[in-house]
Amino acid sequence: MYLKIIGFIFVVLIVSFLQVSFVASLPLYFNGLNLMLVYLLFSLLIYEFEITVYLAAGLGLVMDIYSFSFIGSYIACLIIGVAMINFLQKNFLTNRSLYSLLALFSIFYIYFRLYFIVIDNVLTTLKKVTPNIIFSNSYFTHEASLLLANLALVAVAFYILNLTSKSLKPTFLQR
């Protein structure tokens, strides 16, 4: 039991440090990869919901320490996102196919990005500073390319986990 908890803490630290130090320094669109969301999506499918909520809280805490947002923003965003993805996965996208994982990750990623756009703009208006909201064509193109890069990472991780474990084997409907 204690070894499992220490292992989860170690994995949370590794994922968050890779996100902050390694992925952020990659060139082009690779610096927009979000290892936290990919890890939380697959941990939700492999482990139980409660364990994934603890992992989200741990990742959120470490990311709150490294970010300039107010404390608790990453924790709240990741826990709410995991709960939302769990609800969608249990009720609507019940199979564990690549397409359902890509749809779940797209929803999770869009929620994550919108959450921080709203939080940053609310905080700037509370500071009595004019919010800097610029939605241009290049903004949406950049966000779409980041989403596609993350979806490619999810697809690669899905196929690697499919080859190495039996927990994500696809299920097909029987006639």
Foldseek 3Di string as FASTA:
>chain_A
DVVVVVVLLVVLVVLLCCLPPPQCPDDDLSVLARSLLLVLLVCVLQDPLVVSLVSQQSNLQVVQVVDPAHRPLSNVLSNVLSVVLNVCCVPPVPWLDLVSSLVSSVVSLVSSVVSVLVRVCVVCVVVVHHDDDDDDPVVVVSSVVSSVVNSVVSVVVLVVCVVVDDSRDTDDDDD
